[in-house]
Protein backbone atom coordinates (compact mmCIF):
# COMPACT_ATOMS: atom_id res chain seq x y z
CA MET A 1 -165.28 -9.72 -166.92
CA LYS A 2 -166.39 -12.67 -169.13
CA ALA A 3 -167.76 -15.60 -167.14
CA ILE A 4 -165.81 -18.81 -167.51
CA THR A 5 -167.89 -21.75 -168.74
CA GLU A 6 -167.15 -25.39 -169.42
CA GLN A 7 -166.49 -24.38 -172.97
CA THR A 8 -163.99 -21.63 -172.18
CA ILE A 9 -161.10 -23.88 -171.23
CA GLN A 10 -160.20 -26.44 -173.90
CA PRO A 11 -157.72 -29.38 -173.72
CA ALA A 12 -154.43 -29.39 -175.60
CA ALA A 13 -154.62 -30.18 -179.29
CA ARG A 14 -152.54 -33.29 -178.76
CA LEU A 15 -155.48 -35.02 -177.05
CA SER A 16 -157.22 -35.15 -180.41
CA GLN A 17 -154.47 -37.55 -181.56
CA VAL A 18 -155.34 -40.25 -179.04
CA SER A 19 -158.27 -41.86 -177.31
CA GLU A 20 -158.58 -43.37 -173.82
CA TYR A 21 -156.57 -46.64 -173.65
CA TYR A 22 -158.79 -49.54 -174.69
CA PHE A 23 -158.32 -51.47 -171.50
CA SER A 24 -158.90 -48.47 -169.36
CA ARG A 25 -162.27 -47.95 -171.02
CA LYS A 26 -163.27 -51.57 -171.29
CA LEU A 27 -162.34 -52.55 -167.76
CA LYS A 28 -164.63 -49.86 -166.39
CA GLU A 29 -167.46 -51.52 -168.37
CA ILE A 30 -166.50 -54.97 -167.07
CA ALA A 31 -166.31 -53.69 -163.49
CA ALA A 32 -169.72 -52.13 -163.75
CA ARG A 33 -171.23 -55.32 -165.15
CA ASN A 34 -169.57 -57.44 -162.47
CA ALA A 35 -170.98 -55.07 -159.85
CA ALA A 36 -174.39 -55.71 -161.35
CA GLY A 37 -173.84 -59.46 -160.74
CA GLU A 38 -172.77 -60.73 -164.23
CA ASP A 39 -169.61 -62.57 -163.09
CA ILE A 40 -167.48 -61.90 -166.12
CA ILE A 41 -164.26 -63.87 -166.39
CA SER A 42 -161.43 -61.73 -167.78
CA LEU A 43 -158.96 -63.40 -170.04
CA ALA A 44 -157.80 -60.12 -171.48
CA ILE A 45 -155.14 -58.40 -169.38
CA GLY A 46 -151.54 -59.60 -169.05
CA SER A 47 -151.27 -58.94 -165.31
CA PRO A 48 -149.67 -61.91 -163.59
CA ASP A 49 -151.99 -63.18 -160.76
CA MET A 50 -149.23 -64.97 -158.80
CA PRO A 51 -147.01 -63.38 -156.05
CA PRO A 52 -143.33 -62.60 -156.18
CA SER A 53 -140.97 -64.92 -154.40
CA PRO A 54 -141.22 -65.00 -150.58
CA GLN A 55 -137.75 -63.54 -150.10
CA THR A 56 -138.76 -60.57 -152.27
CA ILE A 57 -141.73 -59.76 -150.06
CA ASP A 58 -139.63 -60.33 -146.89
CA ALA A 59 -137.06 -57.86 -148.16
CA LEU A 60 -139.75 -55.25 -148.91
CA CYS A 61 -141.31 -55.55 -145.40
CA LEU A 62 -137.87 -55.45 -143.70
CA GLU A 63 -136.68 -52.30 -145.43
CA ALA A 64 -140.11 -50.63 -145.16
CA ARG A 65 -139.72 -50.84 -141.32
CA ASN A 66 -136.36 -49.00 -141.48
CA PRO A 67 -137.08 -45.49 -140.25
CA ALA A 68 -134.37 -44.10 -142.49
CA ALA A 69 -135.69 -45.67 -145.71
CA HIS A 70 -138.50 -43.30 -146.54
CA GLY A 71 -136.77 -40.34 -148.06
CA TYR A 72 -136.30 -39.37 -151.69
CA GLN A 73 -134.12 -41.74 -153.68
CA PRO A 74 -131.67 -41.08 -156.53
CA THR A 75 -133.45 -40.87 -159.93
CA ALA A 76 -130.64 -42.97 -161.38
CA GLY A 77 -131.55 -45.84 -159.03
CA THR A 78 -129.82 -47.32 -156.01
CA PRO A 79 -126.49 -49.05 -156.52
CA GLU A 80 -127.97 -52.28 -155.12
CA LEU A 81 -130.67 -52.42 -157.79
CA LYS A 82 -128.46 -51.47 -160.67
CA GLU A 83 -125.83 -54.14 -159.68
CA ALA A 84 -128.60 -56.69 -159.50
CA MET A 85 -129.90 -55.73 -162.93
CA ALA A 86 -126.38 -56.01 -164.37
CA GLY A 87 -125.91 -59.39 -162.72
CA TRP A 88 -129.19 -60.66 -164.08
CA TYR A 89 -128.26 -59.62 -167.62
CA LYS A 90 -124.96 -61.37 -167.25
CA ARG A 91 -126.46 -64.58 -165.74
CA TRP A 92 -129.39 -65.04 -168.18
CA TYR A 93 -128.34 -63.24 -171.42
CA GLY A 94 -124.51 -63.33 -171.18
CA VAL A 95 -124.53 -59.57 -171.68
CA ASN A 96 -122.00 -57.41 -169.84
CA LEU A 97 -123.36 -54.11 -168.62
CA ASP A 98 -121.73 -51.40 -166.57
CA ALA A 99 -124.13 -51.04 -163.66
CA LYS A 100 -123.18 -47.46 -163.03
CA SER A 101 -123.51 -46.12 -166.55
CA GLU A 102 -125.34 -48.53 -168.83
CA ILE A 103 -128.49 -49.28 -166.81
CA GLN A 104 -131.48 -47.02 -165.85
CA PRO A 105 -134.19 -48.36 -163.59
CA LEU A 106 -137.69 -47.37 -164.67
CA ILE A 107 -141.07 -47.01 -163.03
CA GLY A 108 -142.45 -49.46 -165.57
CA SER A 109 -141.90 -49.67 -169.36
CA LYS A 110 -144.62 -47.09 -170.18
CA GLU A 111 -142.53 -44.54 -168.41
CA GLY A 112 -139.52 -45.65 -170.36
CA ILE A 113 -141.29 -45.27 -173.65
CA LEU A 114 -142.12 -41.65 -172.74
CA HIS A 115 -138.55 -40.80 -171.56
CA VAL A 116 -136.78 -42.39 -174.49
CA THR A 117 -139.09 -40.61 -177.00
CA LEU A 118 -138.45 -37.28 -175.23
CA ALA A 119 -134.69 -37.90 -175.15
CA PHE A 120 -134.28 -38.84 -178.81
CA CYS A 121 -137.15 -37.50 -180.90
CA ASN A 122 -138.09 -33.95 -181.87
CA PRO A 123 -141.66 -33.03 -182.93
CA GLY A 124 -142.04 -34.04 -186.58
CA ASP A 125 -139.46 -36.90 -186.42
CA LYS A 126 -140.69 -40.24 -187.75
CA VAL A 127 -140.97 -43.29 -185.54
CA LEU A 128 -141.31 -46.84 -186.91
CA VAL A 129 -143.91 -48.77 -184.97
CA PRO A 130 -144.88 -52.46 -185.52
CA ASP A 131 -148.41 -53.44 -186.74
CA PRO A 132 -149.66 -55.31 -184.79
CA GLY A 133 -147.89 -53.87 -181.75
CA TYR A 134 -148.27 -52.44 -178.25
CA PRO A 135 -150.55 -49.42 -178.59
CA THR A 136 -148.48 -47.21 -176.31
CA TYR A 137 -145.65 -47.04 -178.87
CA SER A 138 -148.01 -45.14 -181.18
CA SER A 139 -150.05 -43.19 -178.68
CA LEU A 140 -147.05 -41.62 -176.85
CA SER A 141 -145.39 -40.71 -180.10
CA LYS A 142 -148.58 -38.97 -181.25
CA ILE A 143 -148.88 -37.08 -177.96
CA LEU A 144 -145.30 -35.91 -178.30
CA GLY A 145 -145.66 -34.75 -181.87
CA GLN A 146 -143.88 -37.49 -183.82
CA GLU A 147 -145.12 -38.98 -187.09
CA VAL A 148 -145.92 -42.62 -186.56
CA VAL A 149 -144.99 -44.88 -189.50
CA LYS A 150 -146.26 -48.40 -189.25
CA TYR A 151 -144.28 -51.37 -190.50
CA ASN A 152 -145.89 -54.72 -191.12
CA LEU A 153 -145.64 -57.93 -189.10
CA ARG A 154 -147.49 -60.69 -190.87
CA GLU A 155 -148.43 -64.28 -189.98
CA GLN A 156 -146.86 -65.79 -193.05
CA ALA A 157 -143.55 -64.32 -192.06
CA GLY A 158 -143.69 -65.59 -188.48
CA TRP A 159 -144.52 -62.00 -187.29
CA GLN A 160 -140.85 -61.00 -187.90
CA PRO A 161 -140.06 -57.74 -189.70
CA ASP A 162 -139.96 -57.84 -193.54
CA PHE A 163 -136.54 -56.20 -194.10
CA ASP A 164 -137.03 -56.03 -197.86
CA GLU A 165 -140.21 -53.96 -197.29
CA LEU A 166 -138.43 -51.82 -194.64
CA GLU A 167 -135.57 -51.08 -197.01
CA ALA A 168 -138.07 -50.03 -199.71
CA MET A 169 -139.79 -47.53 -197.41
CA ASN A 170 -138.98 -43.84 -197.41
CA LEU A 171 -136.79 -43.68 -194.33
CA ASP A 172 -135.98 -39.95 -194.48
CA GLY A 173 -136.67 -38.46 -191.08
CA VAL A 174 -136.91 -41.73 -189.23
CA LYS A 175 -135.28 -41.39 -185.86
CA MET A 176 -136.40 -44.43 -183.94
CA MET A 177 -137.83 -47.95 -184.41
CA TRP A 178 -139.80 -49.91 -181.81
CA THR A 179 -139.42 -53.69 -181.67
CA ASN A 180 -140.77 -56.23 -179.24
CA TYR A 181 -139.58 -59.83 -179.02
CA PRO A 182 -140.75 -62.23 -177.80
CA ASN A 183 -143.65 -60.43 -179.49
CA MET A 184 -146.80 -59.11 -177.88
CA PRO A 185 -149.54 -59.65 -179.07
CA THR A 186 -148.54 -62.47 -181.50
CA GLY A 187 -146.34 -64.63 -179.29
CA ALA A 188 -143.63 -64.82 -181.97
CA PRO A 189 -140.37 -65.88 -180.29
CA ALA A 190 -137.21 -63.75 -180.45
CA GLN A 191 -134.78 -64.85 -183.19
CA ARG A 192 -131.04 -64.20 -183.27
CA ALA A 193 -131.20 -63.65 -187.00
CA THR A 194 -133.89 -60.96 -186.57
CA TYR A 195 -131.76 -59.14 -183.91
CA GLU A 196 -128.73 -59.29 -186.19
CA ARG A 197 -130.62 -57.78 -189.08
CA LEU A 198 -132.10 -55.11 -186.87
CA VAL A 199 -128.67 -53.99 -185.73
CA ALA A 200 -127.36 -53.90 -189.25
CA PHE A 201 -130.48 -51.96 -190.41
CA ALA A 202 -130.01 -49.41 -187.56
CA GLN A 203 -126.33 -48.97 -188.35
CA GLU A 204 -126.92 -48.55 -192.08
CA HIS A 205 -129.68 -45.95 -191.66
CA GLY A 206 -128.71 -44.11 -188.44
CA ILE A 207 -131.89 -45.30 -186.65
CA LEU A 208 -132.17 -45.99 -182.94
CA ILE A 209 -133.69 -49.44 -182.25
CA VAL A 210 -135.60 -49.84 -178.97
CA ASN A 211 -136.32 -53.47 -178.26
CA ASP A 212 -139.03 -54.10 -175.61
CA ASN A 213 -138.15 -57.49 -174.01
CA PRO A 214 -140.42 -58.34 -171.02
CA TYR A 215 -141.59 -61.80 -172.15
CA SER A 216 -138.38 -63.82 -172.69
CA PHE A 217 -138.99 -65.94 -169.56
CA ILE A 218 -142.59 -66.83 -170.12
CA LEU A 219 -142.80 -70.30 -171.67
CA GLY A 220 -139.41 -69.55 -173.33
CA GLU A 221 -136.46 -71.97 -172.99
CA GLU A 222 -134.06 -69.63 -174.70
CA HIS A 223 -133.38 -66.17 -173.38
CA LEU A 224 -132.33 -63.79 -176.10
CA SER A 225 -131.41 -60.07 -175.99
CA ILE A 226 -130.68 -57.72 -178.86
CA LEU A 227 -127.66 -56.56 -176.82
CA GLN A 228 -126.06 -60.03 -177.50
CA VAL A 229 -125.41 -58.90 -181.05
CA PRO A 230 -121.86 -57.34 -181.56
CA GLY A 231 -122.21 -53.57 -182.06
CA ALA A 232 -125.74 -53.41 -180.68
CA LYS A 233 -124.85 -50.87 -178.02
CA THR A 234 -123.99 -48.30 -180.66
CA CYS A 235 -127.54 -48.17 -181.96
CA CYS A 236 -129.90 -50.06 -179.58
CA ILE A 237 -131.63 -49.71 -176.28
CA GLU A 238 -133.39 -52.68 -174.56
CA PHE A 239 -136.26 -52.52 -172.10
CA ASN A 240 -136.90 -55.26 -169.59
CA SER A 241 -139.49 -55.51 -166.86
CA MET A 242 -140.06 -57.36 -163.58
CA SER A 243 -143.81 -57.34 -164.17
CA LYS A 244 -143.98 -60.51 -166.15
CA SER A 245 -140.74 -62.46 -165.28
CA HIS A 246 -140.96 -61.83 -161.50
CA ASN A 247 -144.79 -61.53 -160.93
CA MET A 248 -144.40 -57.81 -159.88
CA PRO A 249 -146.70 -55.82 -162.21
CA GLY A 250 -148.03 -53.54 -159.48
CA TRP A 251 -144.57 -52.85 -158.14
CA ARG A 252 -143.71 -50.84 -161.31
CA VAL A 253 -140.04 -51.85 -161.64
CA GLY A 254 -138.47 -52.04 -165.06
CA MET A 255 -135.14 -51.12 -166.68
CA LEU A 256 -133.46 -50.05 -169.83
CA ALA A 257 -129.98 -50.90 -170.97
CA GLY A 258 -127.79 -49.15 -173.52
CA ASN A 259 -124.54 -47.34 -173.94
CA ALA A 260 -123.56 -44.78 -171.33
CA GLN A 261 -124.23 -41.74 -173.57
CA PHE A 262 -127.80 -42.91 -174.33
CA VAL A 263 -128.47 -43.57 -170.65
CA SER A 264 -127.19 -40.15 -169.61
CA TRP A 265 -129.53 -38.42 -172.12
CA ILE A 266 -132.50 -40.39 -170.80
CA LEU A 267 -131.52 -39.59 -167.20
CA LYS A 268 -131.46 -35.89 -168.06
CA VAL A 269 -135.19 -36.22 -169.10
CA LYS A 270 -136.22 -38.56 -166.27
CA SER A 271 -134.60 -36.46 -163.52
CA ASN A 272 -136.79 -33.48 -164.55
CA ILE A 273 -139.98 -35.54 -164.44
CA ASP A 274 -139.85 -37.93 -161.45
CA SER A 275 -137.83 -39.00 -158.48
CA GLY A 276 -136.48 -42.46 -157.58
CA THR A 277 -138.73 -45.37 -156.64
CA PHE A 278 -139.31 -46.10 -152.95
CA ARG A 279 -136.10 -47.55 -151.49
CA ALA A 280 -137.78 -50.65 -150.08
CA ILE A 281 -139.13 -51.55 -153.54
CA GLN A 282 -135.74 -51.14 -155.09
CA LEU A 283 -133.96 -53.24 -152.56
CA ALA A 284 -136.68 -55.92 -152.71
CA ALA A 285 -136.38 -55.94 -156.48
CA ALA A 286 -132.69 -56.51 -156.18
CA VAL A 287 -133.42 -59.59 -154.10
CA ALA A 288 -136.01 -60.80 -156.69
CA TYR A 289 -133.30 -60.77 -159.35
CA GLN A 290 -131.61 -63.58 -157.32
CA ASN A 291 -134.58 -66.00 -157.72
CA ASP A 292 -133.19 -69.47 -158.52
CA ASP A 293 -133.79 -71.56 -161.61
CA ASP A 294 -136.49 -73.61 -159.86
CA TRP A 295 -138.59 -70.50 -159.09
CA HIS A 296 -138.39 -69.34 -162.69
CA ARG A 297 -139.15 -72.88 -164.00
CA LYS A 298 -142.27 -73.10 -161.81
CA TYR A 299 -143.76 -69.62 -162.21
CA ASN A 300 -142.52 -68.67 -165.70
CA VAL A 301 -142.92 -72.03 -167.42
CA GLU A 302 -144.82 -74.83 -165.64
CA ILE A 303 -147.90 -72.93 -164.43
CA TYR A 304 -148.22 -71.06 -167.72
CA ARG A 305 -147.83 -74.28 -169.64
CA GLU A 306 -150.83 -75.73 -167.78
CA ARG A 307 -152.85 -72.64 -168.45
CA ARG A 308 -151.75 -72.53 -172.11
CA GLU A 309 -153.25 -75.98 -172.67
CA VAL A 310 -156.66 -74.65 -171.63
CA ALA A 311 -156.14 -71.55 -173.69
CA GLU A 312 -155.48 -73.70 -176.72
CA GLN A 313 -158.76 -75.62 -176.03
CA ILE A 314 -160.61 -72.21 -175.89
CA MET A 315 -159.16 -71.19 -179.19
CA THR A 316 -160.17 -74.49 -180.73
CA ALA A 317 -163.75 -74.10 -179.33
CA LEU A 318 -163.83 -70.64 -180.87
CA GLY A 319 -162.86 -72.09 -184.29
CA CYS A 320 -159.63 -70.04 -184.27
CA SER A 321 -156.35 -71.18 -185.78
CA PHE A 322 -153.06 -70.51 -183.91
CA ASP A 323 -149.35 -71.25 -183.99
CA PRO A 324 -148.49 -73.74 -181.15
CA LEU A 325 -144.94 -72.48 -181.04
CA GLN A 326 -145.95 -69.16 -179.53
CA VAL A 327 -144.34 -68.02 -176.29
CA GLY A 328 -145.22 -65.36 -173.69
CA MET A 329 -148.33 -64.99 -171.52
CA PHE A 330 -150.88 -64.74 -174.27
CA LEU A 331 -152.26 -66.97 -177.04
CA TRP A 332 -152.95 -65.22 -180.38
CA GLY A 333 -155.38 -66.78 -182.87
CA ARG A 334 -157.02 -66.01 -186.17
CA ILE A 335 -160.79 -65.93 -186.17
CA PRO A 336 -162.99 -67.95 -188.59
CA ASP A 337 -163.90 -66.41 -191.92
CA LYS A 338 -167.62 -66.56 -191.07
CA TYR A 339 -167.34 -63.51 -188.78
CA ASN A 340 -167.51 -60.10 -190.45
CA ASN A 341 -165.10 -58.62 -187.86
CA VAL A 342 -163.41 -59.61 -184.66
CA GLU A 343 -165.75 -57.78 -182.35
CA GLU A 344 -168.63 -59.84 -183.70
CA LEU A 345 -166.87 -62.74 -182.00
CA THR A 346 -165.51 -61.04 -178.92
CA GLU A 347 -168.76 -59.27 -178.08
CA LYS A 348 -170.65 -62.49 -178.55
CA VAL A 349 -168.34 -64.23 -176.10
CA LEU A 350 -168.58 -61.30 -173.63
CA ASN A 351 -172.38 -60.92 -173.79
CA GLU A 352 -173.39 -64.56 -174.02
CA ALA A 353 -170.64 -66.48 -172.21
CA HIS A 354 -169.59 -63.64 -169.91
CA VAL A 355 -165.92 -64.09 -170.90
CA PHE A 356 -163.78 -61.13 -171.84
CA ILE A 357 -161.08 -61.75 -174.45
CA THR A 358 -159.20 -59.16 -176.41
CA PRO A 359 -159.99 -58.17 -179.99
CA GLY A 360 -156.78 -57.89 -182.01
CA PHE A 361 -157.73 -54.66 -183.86
CA ILE A 362 -156.52 -52.65 -180.85
CA PHE A 363 -152.96 -53.65 -181.80
CA GLY A 364 -153.26 -52.38 -185.38
CA LYS A 365 -154.72 -53.10 -188.80
CA ASN A 366 -152.85 -56.42 -189.11
CA GLY A 367 -154.52 -57.66 -185.92
CA GLU A 368 -158.11 -57.10 -187.16
CA ARG A 369 -158.83 -60.79 -187.74
CA TYR A 370 -157.31 -62.02 -184.49
CA VAL A 371 -158.09 -62.49 -180.80
CA ARG A 372 -155.80 -62.63 -177.83
CA ILE A 373 -156.32 -64.78 -174.72
CA SER A 374 -154.36 -63.98 -171.53
CA LEU A 375 -152.88 -66.76 -169.41
CA CYS A 376 -153.11 -64.53 -166.27
CA ALA A 377 -156.04 -66.39 -164.69
CA LYS A 378 -156.22 -69.41 -162.51
CA LYS A 379 -156.53 -72.69 -164.42
CA GLU A 380 -159.90 -73.31 -162.70
CA LYS A 381 -161.22 -70.00 -164.04
CA MET A 382 -159.91 -70.66 -167.56
CA THR A 383 -161.56 -74.11 -167.46
CA GLU A 384 -164.89 -72.46 -166.46
CA ALA A 385 -164.47 -69.97 -169.32
CA LEU A 386 -163.98 -72.88 -171.68
CA ALA A 387 -167.12 -74.59 -170.55
CA ARG A 388 -169.12 -71.32 -170.89
CA ILE A 389 -167.79 -70.73 -174.42
CA LYS A 390 -168.58 -74.29 -175.52
CA GLN A 391 -172.23 -73.63 -174.51
CA ILE A 392 -172.63 -70.66 -176.77
CA ILE A 393 -170.54 -71.50 -179.79
């Protein structure tokens, strides 16, 4: 019998299409350097550092003490959570959703990206992905065998899609299109006109639009949803997440909304992959959806506005230009022409100032001359980062 060696068993060919997620790799480096005593301030990750509302935590603890609450839960989600999600969409977006059939709770949006792609796309189908855009849109499509087709978002167009350019593309074989407004990484706000054109584009070409919408509460005064557009349910799915709007990133609670047929197809995939989220988390999330206006104003606007002021000072110190009308929990800026590439700046800041900011190339070719600063750090830490950067620039 032939002896098995490390070279005998090889990974699936699909792994050659992707690399380890940038932040997964870089954060290991940062952790090692901090362990060695470097005290690196991270302004890179969009992980809210503030807690959920007190009543949310109380509801979690109360239900977790219930001896009957620890069994498997329905993959479709508890009625309490789905009703809360429907009520939240009605309250903030003015969108009517049938809680039983038009909503699917998710264990985070990454899971939703996987399940939607599995439900709608065959190997070889084309998927339109924004450039710059969230890397997972591309990586999961590549893993699952789709052809990723990038469409451009550009600063001069306010980081909105160029529909003339889209119409001129070869759309044969395109099954799905990812959009993300308010946009990450660029901070471009959602626009009703963009949503209307996306729905018309989808209906004309028979393409499913999936709009990722987790940032509409962060520094945003207007809450827009693509599902507000008449006819959107015929061709659109929208993701939303409690990670950003409710300070619950580690809880892994998100949702998708669409017509009942779309949701049933996604549930068919999801029910074969995972089970429902812990009941205490679902019931506590339902309570979080009842947070009042004052809570959202404080945690989604006022605190981030204070931090944003410091982030703008950091961008200015770096010599970067930026649009002051950005929303969301990041600030996106163009680097000075004197740098050959963005990592020349970000590595200088990391190695000399011990501040970690994100190079825009990880979001696509159109992000190669940009950096992103996260607002998910205490104002005091951001102020210290500013002082450090001023010393080395």
